Amino acid sequence: MPYVEVLAPPVPSQRRAALARSVTDGLMSAFGVTADTVTLYFLPIAPGDYAHAGTFGAQDTGQRILLKVHAFRRSEAERRAAAIALTRGVCSAYGVPGDDVAVYFLDRERSEVSHDSKLASD
């Protein structure tokens, strides 16, 4: 942990690989974790699977990208640093402006996470 869900338009694997490296590096720096704890899930959202402001399909302004970060609770400063790093990585990999990128932190207490049937708090 952390796990990151990337909901974004489909892009070539090289761009996803660049984002994976950037997100991993950003979380390692912001959260003080090691690379082997960071996992990304790419969930491609085609224009036909997207709506914004009541309009179906990607508009002329582009499609927003959402990153959901599932992690143990962090300080506001750590989340801010992660948000900056992740947003920059998405902007670079997808060629979008920062206002098209949202990062949501879904913090969990250790007792709310299980790996191999053991709570992280055990």
PDB file of N, CA and C in Angstrom:
ATOM      1  N   MET A   1       0.862  -1.152   0.000  1.00  0.00           N
ATOM      2  CA  MET A   1       0.000   0.000   0.000  1.00  0.00           C
ATOM      3  C   MET A   1       0.911   1.218   0.000  1.00  0.00           C
ATOM      4  N   PRO A   2       0.727   2.168  -0.808  1.00  0.00           N
ATOM      5  CA  PRO A   2      -0.497   2.625  -1.437  1.00  0.00           C
ATOM      6  C   PRO A   2      -0.811   1.936  -2.773  1.00  0.00           C
ATOM      7  N   TYR A   3      -2.118   1.886  -3.034  1.00  0.00           N
ATOM      8  CA  TYR A   3      -2.644   1.434  -4.313  1.00  0.00           C
ATOM      9  C   TYR A   3      -3.239   2.641  -5.006  1.00  0.00           C
ATOM     10  N   VAL A   4      -3.013   2.753  -6.314  1.00  0.00           N
ATOM     11  CA  VAL A   4      -3.513   3.898  -7.070  1.00  0.00           C
ATOM     12  C   VAL A   4      -4.335   3.399  -8.249  1.00  0.00           C
ATOM     13  N   GLU A   5      -5.566   3.878  -8.344  1.00  0.00           N
ATOM     14  CA  GLU A   5      -6.419   3.617  -9.499  1.00  0.00           C
ATOM     15  C   GLU A   5      -6.304   4.817 -10.429  1.00  0.00           C
ATOM     16  N   VAL A   6      -5.983   4.560 -11.679  1.00  0.00           N
ATOM     17  CA  VAL A   6      -5.859   5.616 -12.677  1.00  0.00           C
ATOM     18  C   VAL A   6      -7.018   5.466 -13.657  1.00  0.00           C
ATOM     19  N   LEU A   7      -7.981   6.373 -13.587  1.00  0.00           N
ATOM     20  CA  LEU A   7      -9.119   6.377 -14.501  1.00  0.00           C
ATOM     21  C   LEU A   7      -8.836   7.449 -15.542  1.00  0.00           C
ATOM     22  N   ALA A   8      -8.511   6.997 -16.759  1.00  0.00           N
ATOM     23  CA  ALA A   8      -8.019   7.920 -17.780  1.00  0.00           C
ATOM     24  C   ALA A   8      -8.295   7.361 -19.166  1.00  0.00           C
ATOM     25  N   PRO A   9      -8.203   8.220 -20.183  1.00  0.00           N
ATOM     26  CA  PRO A   9      -8.356   7.717 -21.548  1.00  0.00           C
ATOM     27  C   PRO A   9      -7.270   6.693 -21.866  1.00  0.00           C
ATOM     28  N   PRO A  10      -7.551   5.763 -22.754  1.00  0.00           N
ATOM     29  CA  PRO A  10      -6.527   4.803 -23.161  1.00  0.00           C
ATOM     30  C   PRO A  10      -5.350   5.519 -23.831  1.00  0.00           C
ATOM     31  N   VAL A  11      -4.143   5.122 -23.473  1.00  0.00           N
ATOM     32  CA  VAL A  11      -2.920   5.640 -24.093  1.00  0.00           C
ATOM     33  C   VAL A  11      -1.962   4.477 -24.321  1.00  0.00           C
ATOM     34  N   PRO A  12      -0.947   4.658 -25.169  1.00  0.00           N
ATOM     35  CA  PRO A  12       0.033   3.593 -25.404  1.00  0.00           C
ATOM     36  C   PRO A  12       0.753   3.179 -24.118  1.00  0.00           C
ATOM     37  N   SER A  13       1.232   1.954 -24.108  1.00  0.00           N
ATOM     38  CA  SER A  13       1.864   1.396 -22.908  1.00  0.00           C
ATOM     39  C   SER A  13       3.083   2.198 -22.462  1.00  0.00           C
ATOM     40  N   GLN A  14       3.806   2.839 -23.384  1.00  0.00           N
ATOM     41  CA  GLN A  14       4.975   3.629 -22.989  1.00  0.00           C
ATOM     42  C   GLN A  14       4.551   4.791 -22.094  1.00  0.00           C
ATOM     43  N   ARG A  15       3.415   5.410 -22.384  1.00  0.00           N
ATOM     44  CA  ARG A  15       2.941   6.529 -21.573  1.00  0.00           C
ATOM     45  C   ARG A  15       2.452   6.031 -20.212  1.00  0.00           C
ATOM     46  N   ARG A  16       1.820   4.858 -20.174  1.00  0.00           N
ATOM     47  CA  ARG A  16       1.408   4.289 -18.888  1.00  0.00           C
ATOM     48  C   ARG A  16       2.639   3.926 -18.055  1.00  0.00           C
ATOM     49  N   ALA A  17       3.663   3.394 -18.712  1.00  0.00           N
ATOM     50  CA  ALA A  17       4.903   3.045 -18.006  1.00  0.00           C
ATOM     51  C   ALA A  17       5.568   4.292 -17.426  1.00  0.00           C
ATOM     52  N   ALA A  18       5.563   5.377 -18.186  1.00  0.00           N
ATOM     53  CA  ALA A  18       6.135   6.632 -17.679  1.00  0.00           C
ATOM     54  C   ALA A  18       5.354   7.128 -16.467  1.00  0.00           C
ATOM     55  N   LEU A  19       4.029   7.021 -16.525  1.00  0.00           N
ATOM     56  CA  LEU A  19       3.222   7.445 -15.393  1.00  0.00           C
ATOM     57  C   LEU A  19       3.457   6.536 -14.185  1.00  0.00           C
ATOM     58  N   ALA A  20       3.566   5.241 -14.423  1.00  0.00           N
ATOM     59  CA  ALA A  20       3.816   4.307 -13.320  1.00  0.00           C
ATOM     60  C   ALA A  20       5.103   4.669 -12.586  1.00  0.00           C
ATOM     61  N   ARG A  21       6.145   4.988 -13.324  1.00  0.00           N
ATOM     62  CA  ARG A  21       7.420   5.366 -12.703  1.00  0.00           C
ATOM     63  C   ARG A  21       7.276   6.677 -11.942  1.00  0.00           C
ATOM     64  N   SER A  22       6.617   7.650 -12.571  1.00  0.00           N
ATOM     65  CA  SER A  22       6.447   8.964 -11.958  1.00  0.00           C
ATOM     66  C   SER A  22       5.610   8.886 -10.681  1.00  0.00           C
ATOM     67  N   VAL A  23       4.508   8.149 -10.723  1.00  0.00           N
ATOM     68  CA  VAL A  23       3.650   8.008  -9.535  1.00  0.00           C
ATOM     69  C   VAL A  23       4.399   7.281  -8.429  1.00  0.00           C
ATOM     70  N   THR A  24       5.091   6.210  -8.780  1.00  0.00           N
ATOM     71  CA  THR A  24       5.853   5.460  -7.779  1.00  0.00           C
ATOM     72  C   THR A  24       6.910   6.352  -7.135  1.00  0.00           C
ATOM     73  N   ASP A  25       7.663   7.075  -7.948  1.00  0.00           N
ATOM     74  CA  ASP A  25       8.685   7.981  -7.410  1.00  0.00           C
ATOM     75  C   ASP A  25       8.056   9.060  -6.534  1.00  0.00           C
ATOM     76  N   GLY A  26       6.930   9.617  -6.988  1.00  0.00           N
ATOM     77  CA  GLY A  26       6.265  10.670  -6.225  1.00  0.00           C
ATOM     78  C   GLY A  26       5.778  10.191  -4.872  1.00  0.00           C
ATOM     79  N   LEU A  27       5.198   8.997  -4.834  1.00  0.00           N
ATOM     80  CA  LEU A  27       4.710   8.460  -3.558  1.00  0.00           C
ATOM     81  C   LEU A  27       5.855   8.046  -2.645  1.00  0.00           C
ATOM     82  N   MET A  28       6.935   7.542  -3.237  1.00  0.00           N
ATOM     83  CA  MET A  28       8.098   7.201  -2.416  1.00  0.00           C
ATOM     84  C   MET A  28       8.623   8.455  -1.717  1.00  0.00           C
ATOM     85  N   SER A  29       8.688   9.543  -2.447  1.00  0.00           N
ATOM     86  CA  SER A  29       9.187  10.792  -1.884  1.00  0.00           C
ATOM     87  C   SER A  29       8.213  11.398  -0.876  1.00  0.00           C
ATOM     88  N   ALA A  30       6.939  11.479  -1.251  1.00  0.00           N
ATOM     89  CA  ALA A  30       5.944  12.147  -0.398  1.00  0.00           C
ATOM     90  C   ALA A  30       5.597  11.343   0.844  1.00  0.00           C
ATOM     91  N   PHE A  31       5.478  10.018   0.688  1.00  0.00           N
ATOM     92  CA  PHE A  31       5.009   9.173   1.790  1.00  0.00           C
ATOM     93  C   PHE A  31       6.134   8.417   2.489  1.00  0.00           C
ATOM     94  N   GLY A  32       7.351   8.457   1.952  1.00  0.00           N
ATOM     95  CA  GLY A  32       8.449   7.736   2.576  1.00  0.00           C
ATOM     96  C   GLY A  32       8.289   6.226   2.502  1.00  0.00           C
ATOM     97  N   VAL A  33       7.744   5.726   1.379  1.00  0.00           N
ATOM     98  CA  VAL A  33       7.554   4.290   1.197  1.00  0.00           C
ATOM     99  C   VAL A  33       8.566   3.782   0.179  1.00  0.00           C
ATOM    100  N   THR A  34       8.664   2.465   0.057  1.00  0.00           N
ATOM    101  CA  THR A  34       9.547   1.863  -0.934  1.00  0.00           C
ATOM    102  C   THR A  34       8.734   1.473  -2.170  1.00  0.00           C
ATOM    103  N   ALA A  35       9.424   1.331  -3.287  1.00  0.00           N
ATOM    104  CA  ALA A  35       8.757   1.037  -4.559  1.00  0.00           C
ATOM    105  C   ALA A  35       7.920  -0.233  -4.498  1.00  0.00           C
ATOM    106  N   ASP A  36       8.372  -1.224  -3.742  1.00  0.00           N
ATOM    107  CA  ASP A  36       7.655  -2.506  -3.711  1.00  0.00           C
ATOM    108  C   ASP A  36       6.313  -2.427  -2.985  1.00  0.00           C
ATOM    109  N   THR A  37       5.979  -1.274  -2.404  1.00  0.00           N
ATOM    110  CA  THR A  37       4.676  -1.121  -1.742  1.00  0.00           C
ATOM    111  C   THR A  37       3.662  -0.392  -2.623  1.00  0.00           C
ATOM    112  N   VAL A  38       4.095   0.141  -3.760  1.00  0.00           N
ATOM    113  CA  VAL A  38       3.228   0.953  -4.620  1.00  0.00           C
ATOM    114  C   VAL A  38       2.704   0.108  -5.782  1.00  0.00           C
ATOM    115  N   THR A  39       1.380   0.095  -5.953  1.00  0.00           N
ATOM    116  CA  THR A  39       0.739  -0.633  -7.048  1.00  0.00           C
ATOM    117  C   THR A  39      -0.217   0.300  -7.767  1.00  0.00           C
ATOM    118  N   LEU A  40      -0.175   0.269  -9.099  1.00  0.00           N
ATOM    119  CA  LEU A  40      -1.091   1.065  -9.906  1.00  0.00           C
ATOM    120  C   LEU A  40      -2.008   0.146 -10.700  1.00  0.00           C
ATOM    121  N   TYR A  41      -3.249   0.590 -10.844  1.00  0.00           N
ATOM    122  CA  TYR A  41      -4.240  -0.091 -11.677  1.00  0.00           C
ATOM    123  C   TYR A  41      -4.726   0.916 -12.708  1.00  0.00           C
ATOM    124  N   PHE A  42      -4.517   0.620 -13.984  1.00  0.00           N
ATOM    125  CA  PHE A  42      -4.972   1.497 -15.050  1.00  0.00           C
ATOM    126  C   PHE A  42      -6.353   1.044 -15.508  1.00  0.00           C
ATOM    127  N   LEU A  43      -7.320   1.931 -15.369  1.00  0.00           N
ATOM    128  CA  LEU A  43      -8.689   1.652 -15.761  1.00  0.00           C
ATOM    129  C   LEU A  43      -9.024   2.589 -16.911  1.00  0.00           C
ATOM    130  N   PRO A  44      -8.879   2.101 -18.158  1.00  0.00           N
ATOM    131  CA  PRO A  44      -9.099   2.985 -19.301  1.00  0.00           C
ATOM    132  C   PRO A  44     -10.570   3.385 -19.427  1.00  0.00           C
ATOM    133  N   ILE A  45     -10.789   4.671 -19.593  1.00  0.00           N
ATOM    134  CA  ILE A  45     -12.125   5.226 -19.735  1.00  0.00           C
ATOM    135  C   ILE A  45     -12.199   5.859 -21.130  1.00  0.00           C
ATOM    136  N   ALA A  46     -12.829   5.156 -22.055  1.00  0.00           N
ATOM    137  CA  ALA A  46     -12.970   5.657 -23.420  1.00  0.00           C
ATOM    138  C   ALA A  46     -13.929   6.848 -23.436  1.00  0.00           C
ATOM    139  N   PRO A  47     -13.820   7.713 -24.443  1.00  0.00           N
ATOM    140  CA  PRO A  47     -14.731   8.860 -24.518  1.00  0.00           C
ATOM    141  C   PRO A  47     -16.208   8.474 -24.421  1.00  0.00           C
ATOM    142  N   GLY A  48     -16.572   7.317 -24.932  1.00  0.00           N
ATOM    143  CA  GLY A  48     -17.955   6.856 -24.857  1.00  0.00           C
ATOM    144  C   GLY A  48     -18.369   6.368 -23.483  1.00  0.00           C
ATOM    145  N   ASP A  49     -17.421   6.328 -22.543  1.00  0.00           N
ATOM    146  CA  ASP A  49     -17.689   5.899 -21.167  1.00  0.00           C
ATOM    147  C   ASP A  49     -17.526   7.055 -20.189  1.00  0.00           C
ATOM    148  N   TYR A  50     -17.677   8.271 -20.677  1.00  0.00           N
ATOM    149  CA  TYR A  50     -17.343   9.456 -19.895  1.00  0.00           C
ATOM    150  C   TYR A  50     -18.400  10.532 -20.118  1.00  0.00           C
ATOM    151  N   ALA A  51     -18.737  11.245 -19.062  1.00  0.00           N
ATOM    152  CA  ALA A  51     -19.610  12.417 -19.157  1.00  0.00           C
ATOM    153  C   ALA A  51     -19.140  13.446 -18.150  1.00  0.00           C
ATOM    154  N   HIS A  52     -19.308  14.710 -18.502  1.00  0.00           N
ATOM    155  CA  HIS A  52     -18.963  15.800 -17.584  1.00  0.00           C
ATOM    156  C   HIS A  52     -19.962  16.938 -17.790  1.00  0.00           C
ATOM    157  N   ALA A  53     -20.413  17.503 -16.690  1.00  0.00           N
ATOM    158  CA  ALA A  53     -21.357  18.624 -16.714  1.00  0.00           C
ATOM    159  C   ALA A  53     -22.613  18.284 -17.510  1.00  0.00           C
ATOM    160  N   GLY A  54     -23.028  17.033 -17.424  1.00  0.00           N
ATOM    161  CA  GLY A  54     -24.248  16.607 -18.103  1.00  0.00           C
ATOM    162  C   GLY A  54     -24.085  16.310 -19.574  1.00  0.00           C
ATOM    163  N   THR A  55     -22.855  16.422 -20.078  1.00  0.00           N
ATOM    164  CA  THR A  55     -22.598  16.152 -21.486  1.00  0.00           C
ATOM    165  C   THR A  55     -21.867  14.826 -21.618  1.00  0.00           C
ATOM    166  N   PHE A  56     -22.439  13.935 -22.404  1.00  0.00           N
ATOM    167  CA  PHE A  56     -21.880  12.599 -22.619  1.00  0.00           C
ATOM    168  C   PHE A  56     -20.747  12.673 -23.636  1.00  0.00           C
ATOM    169  N   GLY A  57     -19.672  11.945 -23.364  1.00  0.00           N
ATOM    170  CA  GLY A  57     -18.523  11.894 -24.266  1.00  0.00           C
ATOM    171  C   GLY A  57     -17.540  13.019 -23.973  1.00  0.00           C
ATOM    172  N   ALA A  58     -16.287  12.794 -24.342  1.00  0.00           N
ATOM    173  CA  ALA A  58     -15.255  13.814 -24.123  1.00  0.00           C
ATOM    174  C   ALA A  58     -15.584  15.046 -24.959  1.00  0.00           C
ATOM    175  N   GLN A  59     -15.423  16.201 -24.348  1.00  0.00           N
ATOM    176  CA  GLN A  59     -15.700  17.452 -25.041  1.00  0.00           C
ATOM    177  C   GLN A  59     -14.421  18.002 -25.675  1.00  0.00           C
ATOM    178  N   ASP A  60     -14.553  19.150 -26.322  1.00  0.00           N
ATOM    179  CA  ASP A  60     -13.402  19.803 -26.954  1.00  0.00           C
ATOM    180  C   ASP A  60     -12.305  20.117 -25.943  1.00  0.00           C
ATOM    181  N   THR A  61     -12.705  20.320 -24.688  1.00  0.00           N
ATOM    182  CA  THR A  61     -11.724  20.656 -23.658  1.00  0.00           C
ATOM    183  C   THR A  61     -10.973  19.437 -23.153  1.00  0.00           C
ATOM    184  N   GLY A  62     -11.363  18.243 -23.573  1.00  0.00           N
ATOM    185  CA  GLY A  62     -10.671  17.031 -23.155  1.00  0.00           C
ATOM    186  C   GLY A  62     -11.422  16.284 -22.076  1.00  0.00           C
ATOM    187  N   GLN A  63     -10.807  15.248 -21.608  1.00  0.00           N
ATOM    188  CA  GLN A  63     -11.416  14.354 -20.625  1.00  0.00           C
ATOM    189  C   GLN A  63     -10.642  14.454 -19.326  1.00  0.00           C
ATOM    190  N   ARG A  64     -11.345  14.623 -18.238  1.00  0.00           N
ATOM    191  CA  ARG A  64     -10.680  14.684 -16.938  1.00  0.00           C
ATOM    192  C   ARG A  64     -10.098  13.324 -16.572  1.00  0.00           C
ATOM    193  N   ILE A  65      -9.027  13.368 -15.783  1.00  0.00           N
ATOM    194  CA  ILE A  65      -8.348  12.152 -15.330  1.00  0.00           C
ATOM    195  C   ILE A  65      -8.428  12.118 -13.811  1.00  0.00           C
ATOM    196  N   LEU A  66      -8.772  10.957 -13.275  1.00  0.00           N
ATOM    197  CA  LEU A  66      -8.921  10.787 -11.833  1.00  0.00           C
ATOM    198  C   LEU A  66      -7.935   9.747 -11.324  1.00  0.00           C
ATOM    199  N   LEU A  67      -7.210  10.104 -10.270  1.00  0.00           N
ATOM    200  CA  LEU A  67      -6.372   9.154  -9.550  1.00  0.00           C
ATOM    201  C   LEU A  67      -6.962   8.980  -8.163  1.00  0.00           C
ATOM    202  N   LYS A  68      -7.223   7.745  -7.779  1.00  0.00           N
ATOM    203  CA  LYS A  68      -7.691   7.435  -6.432  1.00  0.00           C
ATOM    204  C   LYS A  68      -6.542   6.745  -5.699  1.00  0.00           C
ATOM    205  N   VAL A  69      -6.086   7.367  -4.627  1.00  0.00           N
ATOM    206  CA  VAL A  69      -4.951   6.853  -3.867  1.00  0.00           C
ATOM    207  C   VAL A  69      -5.477   6.205  -2.588  1.00  0.00           C
ATOM    208  N   HIS A  70      -5.358   4.892  -2.510  1.00  0.00           N
ATOM    209  CA  HIS A  70      -5.732   4.134  -1.318  1.00  0.00           C
ATOM    210  C   HIS A  70      -4.455   3.933  -0.509  1.00  0.00           C
ATOM    211  N   ALA A  71      -4.435   4.505   0.700  1.00  0.00           N
ATOM    212  CA  ALA A  71      -3.210   4.422   1.505  1.00  0.00           C
ATOM    213  C   ALA A  71      -3.553   4.607   2.976  1.00  0.00           C
ATOM    214  N   PHE A  72      -2.599   4.274   3.823  1.00  0.00           N
ATOM    215  CA  PHE A  72      -2.759   4.569   5.238  1.00  0.00           C
ATOM    216  C   PHE A  72      -2.790   6.081   5.409  1.00  0.00           C
ATOM    217  N   ARG A  73      -3.456   6.538   6.433  1.00  0.00           N
ATOM    218  CA  ARG A  73      -3.624   7.973   6.676  1.00  0.00           C
ATOM    219  C   ARG A  73      -2.265   8.675   6.720  1.00  0.00           C
ATOM    220  N   ARG A  74      -2.181   9.791   6.013  1.00  0.00           N
ATOM    221  CA  ARG A  74      -0.965  10.612   5.949  1.00  0.00           C
ATOM    222  C   ARG A  74      -1.302  12.032   6.387  1.00  0.00           C
ATOM    223  N   SER A  75      -0.268  12.789   6.675  1.00  0.00           N
ATOM    224  CA  SER A  75      -0.473  14.181   7.064  1.00  0.00           C
ATOM    225  C   SER A  75      -0.902  15.005   5.848  1.00  0.00           C
ATOM    226  N   GLU A  76      -1.448  16.170   6.136  1.00  0.00           N
ATOM    227  CA  GLU A  76      -1.854  17.066   5.050  1.00  0.00           C
ATOM    228  C   GLU A  76      -0.650  17.446   4.187  1.00  0.00           C
ATOM    229  N   ALA A  77       0.491  17.676   4.804  1.00  0.00           N
ATOM    230  CA  ALA A  77       1.704  18.028   4.054  1.00  0.00           C
ATOM    231  C   ALA A  77       2.129  16.889   3.125  1.00  0.00           C
ATOM    232  N   GLU A  78       2.035  15.650   3.608  1.00  0.00           N
ATOM    233  CA  GLU A  78       2.396  14.498   2.769  1.00  0.00           C
ATOM    234  C   GLU A  78       1.425  14.341   1.605  1.00  0.00           C
ATOM    235  N   ARG A  79       0.128  14.530   1.884  1.00  0.00           N
ATOM    236  CA  ARG A  79      -0.865  14.443   0.802  1.00  0.00           C
ATOM    237  C   ARG A  79      -0.661  15.564  -0.214  1.00  0.00           C
ATOM    238  N   ARG A  80      -0.340  16.751   0.251  1.00  0.00           N
ATOM    239  CA  ARG A  80      -0.088  17.876  -0.655  1.00  0.00           C
ATOM    240  C   ARG A  80       1.104  17.557  -1.569  1.00  0.00           C
ATOM    241  N   ALA A  81       2.188  17.065  -0.991  1.00  0.00           N
ATOM    242  CA  ALA A  81       3.378  16.715  -1.787  1.00  0.00           C
ATOM    243  C   ALA A  81       3.047  15.625  -2.803  1.00  0.00           C
ATOM    244  N   ALA A  82       2.260  14.639  -2.385  1.00  0.00           N
ATOM    245  CA  ALA A  82       1.866  13.572  -3.310  1.00  0.00           C
ATOM    246  C   ALA A  82       0.989  14.123  -4.423  1.00  0.00           C
ATOM    247  N   ALA A  83       0.048  14.994  -4.088  1.00  0.00           N
ATOM    248  CA  ALA A  83      -0.842  15.574  -5.095  1.00  0.00           C
ATOM    249  C   ALA A  83      -0.051  16.326  -6.158  1.00  0.00           C
ATOM    250  N   ILE A  84       0.944  17.077  -5.732  1.00  0.00           N
ATOM    251  CA  ILE A  84       1.779  17.819  -6.678  1.00  0.00           C
ATOM    252  C   ILE A  84       2.519  16.854  -7.595  1.00  0.00           C
ATOM    253  N   ALA A  85       3.162  15.853  -7.014  1.00  0.00           N
ATOM    254  CA  ALA A  85       3.940  14.898  -7.810  1.00  0.00           C
ATOM    255  C   ALA A  85       3.056  14.103  -8.767  1.00  0.00           C
ATOM    256  N   LEU A  86       1.911  13.635  -8.294  1.00  0.00           N
ATOM    257  CA  LEU A  86       1.035  12.835  -9.138  1.00  0.00           C
ATOM    258  C   LEU A  86       0.423  13.658 -10.257  1.00  0.00           C
ATOM    259  N   THR A  87       0.012  14.864  -9.949  1.00  0.00           N
ATOM    260  CA  THR A  87      -0.565  15.735 -10.984  1.00  0.00           C
ATOM    261  C   THR A  87       0.468  16.031 -12.067  1.00  0.00           C
ATOM    262  N   ARG A  88       1.678  16.351 -11.667  1.00  0.00           N
ATOM    263  CA  ARG A  88       2.744  16.606 -12.650  1.00  0.00           C
ATOM    264  C   ARG A  88       2.994  15.385 -13.532  1.00  0.00           C
ATOM    265  N   GLY A  89       2.990  14.207 -12.914  1.00  0.00           N
ATOM    266  CA  GLY A  89       3.208  12.983 -13.677  1.00  0.00           C
ATOM    267  C   GLY A  89       2.112  12.740 -14.705  1.00  0.00           C
ATOM    268  N   VAL A  90       0.860  12.959 -14.310  1.00  0.00           N
ATOM    269  CA  VAL A  90      -0.264  12.781 -15.238  1.00  0.00           C
ATOM    270  C   VAL A  90      -0.178  13.797 -16.372  1.00  0.00           C
ATOM    271  N   CYS A  91       0.102  15.050 -16.030  1.00  0.00           N
ATOM    272  CA  CYS A  91       0.201  16.096 -17.055  1.00  0.00           C
ATOM    273  C   CYS A  91       1.263  15.739 -18.090  1.00  0.00           C
ATOM    274  N   SER A  92       2.391  15.231 -17.626  1.00  0.00           N
ATOM    275  CA  SER A  92       3.474  14.855 -18.526  1.00  0.00           C
ATOM    276  C   SER A  92       3.114  13.637 -19.371  1.00  0.00           C
ATOM    277  N   ALA A  93       2.589  12.596 -18.753  1.00  0.00           N
ATOM    278  CA  ALA A  93       2.302  11.344 -19.468  1.00  0.00           C
ATOM    279  C   ALA A  93       1.124  11.468 -20.428  1.00  0.00           C
ATOM    280  N   TYR A  94       0.128  12.278 -20.062  1.00  0.00           N
ATOM    281  CA  TYR A  94      -1.097  12.365 -20.867  1.00  0.00           C
ATOM    282  C   TYR A  94      -1.204  13.663 -21.651  1.00  0.00           C
ATOM    283  N   GLY A  95      -0.299  14.613 -21.424  1.00  0.00           N
ATOM    284  CA  GLY A  95      -0.340  15.867 -22.154  1.00  0.00           C
ATOM    285  C   GLY A  95      -1.577  16.703 -21.868  1.00  0.00           C
ATOM    286  N   VAL A  96      -2.004  16.713 -20.598  1.00  0.00           N
ATOM    287  CA  VAL A  96      -3.191  17.473 -20.207  1.00  0.00           C
ATOM    288  C   VAL A  96      -2.790  18.561 -19.206  1.00  0.00           C
ATOM    289  N   PRO A  97      -3.610  19.613 -19.102  1.00  0.00           N
ATOM    290  CA  PRO A  97      -3.333  20.628 -18.086  1.00  0.00           C
ATOM    291  C   PRO A  97      -3.723  20.128 -16.699  1.00  0.00           C
ATOM    292  N   GLY A  98      -3.142  20.720 -15.679  1.00  0.00           N
ATOM    293  CA  GLY A  98      -3.401  20.305 -14.305  1.00  0.00           C
ATOM    294  C   GLY A  98      -4.849  20.397 -13.894  1.00  0.00           C
ATOM    295  N   ASP A  99      -5.609  21.324 -14.482  1.00  0.00           N
ATOM    296  CA  ASP A  99      -7.007  21.428 -14.076  1.00  0.00           C
ATOM    297  C   ASP A  99      -7.872  20.308 -14.637  1.00  0.00           C
ATOM    298  N   ASP A 100      -7.294  19.432 -15.458  1.00  0.00           N
ATOM    299  CA  ASP A 100      -7.995  18.232 -15.914  1.00  0.00           C
ATOM    300  C   ASP A 100      -7.646  17.008 -15.070  1.00  0.00           C
ATOM    301  N   VAL A 101      -6.890  17.203 -13.976  1.00  0.00           N
ATOM    302  CA  VAL A 101      -6.425  16.091 -13.143  1.00  0.00           C
ATOM    303  C   VAL A 101      -6.968  16.248 -11.723  1.00  0.00           C
ATOM    304  N   ALA A 102      -7.582  15.187 -11.214  1.00  0.00           N
ATOM    305  CA  ALA A 102      -8.040  15.162  -9.827  1.00  0.00           C
ATOM    306  C   ALA A 102      -7.370  13.989  -9.116  1.00  0.00           C
ATOM    307  N   VAL A 103      -6.897  14.231  -7.908  1.00  0.00           N
ATOM    308  CA  VAL A 103      -6.308  13.186  -7.067  1.00  0.00           C
ATOM    309  C   VAL A 103      -7.154  13.110  -5.805  1.00  0.00           C
ATOM    310  N   TYR A 104      -7.742  11.941  -5.564  1.00  0.00           N
ATOM    311  CA  TYR A 104      -8.549  11.732  -4.361  1.00  0.00           C
ATOM    312  C   TYR A 104      -7.806  10.777  -3.445  1.00  0.00           C
ATOM    313  N   PHE A 105      -7.650  11.193  -2.186  1.00  0.00           N
ATOM    314  CA  PHE A 105      -6.984  10.365  -1.186  1.00  0.00           C
ATOM    315  C   PHE A 105      -8.050   9.639  -0.382  1.00  0.00           C
ATOM    316  N   LEU A 106      -8.020   8.328  -0.436  1.00  0.00           N
ATOM    317  CA  LEU A 106      -8.968   7.480   0.276  1.00  0.00           C
ATOM    318  C   LEU A 106      -8.215   6.812   1.416  1.00  0.00           C
ATOM    319  N   ASP A 107      -7.998   7.590   2.472  1.00  0.00           N
ATOM    320  CA  ASP A 107      -7.182   7.143   3.601  1.00  0.00           C
ATOM    321  C   ASP A 107      -7.850   6.013   4.369  1.00  0.00           C
ATOM    322  N   ARG A 108      -7.026   5.117   4.864  1.00  0.00           N
ATOM    323  CA  ARG A 108      -7.485   3.976   5.642  1.00  0.00           C
ATOM    324  C   ARG A 108      -6.663   3.872   6.923  1.00  0.00           C
ATOM    325  N   GLU A 109      -7.332   3.448   7.978  1.00  0.00           N
ATOM    326  CA  GLU A 109      -6.622   3.096   9.202  1.00  0.00           C
ATOM    327  C   GLU A 109      -6.056   1.688   9.003  1.00  0.00           C
ATOM    328  N   ARG A 110      -5.023   1.349   9.737  1.00  0.00           N
ATOM    329  CA  ARG A 110      -4.385   0.028   9.576  1.00  0.00           C
ATOM    330  C   ARG A 110      -5.367  -1.115   9.844  1.00  0.00           C
ATOM    331  N   SER A 111      -6.332  -0.886  10.721  1.00  0.00           N
ATOM    332  CA  SER A 111      -7.311  -1.940  11.022  1.00  0.00           C
ATOM    333  C   SER A 111      -8.341  -2.113   9.909  1.00  0.00           C
ATOM    334  N   GLU A 112      -8.290  -1.268   8.890  1.00  0.00           N
ATOM    335  CA  GLU A 112      -9.231  -1.343   7.770  1.00  0.00           C
ATOM    336  C   GLU A 112      -8.607  -1.960   6.526  1.00  0.00           C
ATOM    337  N   VAL A 113      -7.384  -2.507   6.660  1.00  0.00           N
ATOM    338  CA  VAL A 113      -6.664  -3.075   5.528  1.00  0.00           C
ATOM    339  C   VAL A 113      -6.198  -4.480   5.889  1.00  0.00           C
ATOM    340  N   SER A 114      -6.412  -5.402   4.974  1.00  0.00           N
ATOM    341  CA  SER A 114      -5.981  -6.782   5.183  1.00  0.00           C
ATOM    342  C   SER A 114      -5.159  -7.260   3.992  1.00  0.00           C
ATOM    343  N   HIS A 115      -4.071  -7.933   4.272  1.00  0.00           N
ATOM    344  CA  HIS A 115      -3.257  -8.615   3.264  1.00  0.00           C
ATOM    345  C   HIS A 115      -3.048 -10.036   3.762  1.00  0.00           C
ATOM    346  N   ASP A 116      -3.294 -10.999   2.883  1.00  0.00           N
ATOM    347  CA  ASP A 116      -3.137 -12.400   3.237  1.00  0.00           C
ATOM    348  C   ASP A 116      -3.938 -12.734   4.501  1.00  0.00           C
ATOM    349  N   SER A 117      -5.139 -12.210   4.587  1.00  0.00           N
ATOM    350  CA  SER A 117      -6.119 -12.435   5.664  1.00  0.00           C
ATOM    351  C   SER A 117      -5.696 -11.902   7.028  1.00  0.00           C
ATOM    352  N   LYS A 118      -4.649 -11.050   7.063  1.00  0.00           N
ATOM    353  CA  LYS A 118      -4.196 -10.455   8.319  1.00  0.00           C
ATOM    354  C   LYS A 118      -4.383  -8.948   8.245  1.00  0.00           C
ATOM    355  N   LEU A 119      -4.971  -8.375   9.289  1.00  0.00           N
ATOM    356  CA  LEU A 119      -5.103  -6.929   9.334  1.00  0.00           C
ATOM    357  C   LEU A 119      -3.723  -6.293   9.441  1.00  0.00           C
ATOM    358  N   ALA A 120      -3.545  -5.157   8.799  1.00  0.00           N
ATOM    359  CA  ALA A 120      -2.259  -4.453   8.873  1.00  0.00           C
ATOM    360  C   ALA A 120      -1.950  -4.005  10.294  1.00  0.00           C
ATOM    361  N   SER A 121      -2.970  -3.888  11.134  1.00  0.00           N
ATOM    362  CA  SER A 121      -2.771  -3.485  12.521  1.00  0.00           C
ATOM    363  C   SER A 121      -2.324  -4.640  13.408  1.00  0.00           C
ATOM    364  N   ASP A 122      -2.394  -5.873  12.920  1.00  0.00           N
ATOM    365  CA  ASP A 122      -1.994  -7.045  13.722  1.00  0.00           C
ATOM    366  C   ASP A 122      -0.493  -7.153  13.851  1.00  0.00           C
TER     367      ASP A 122
END
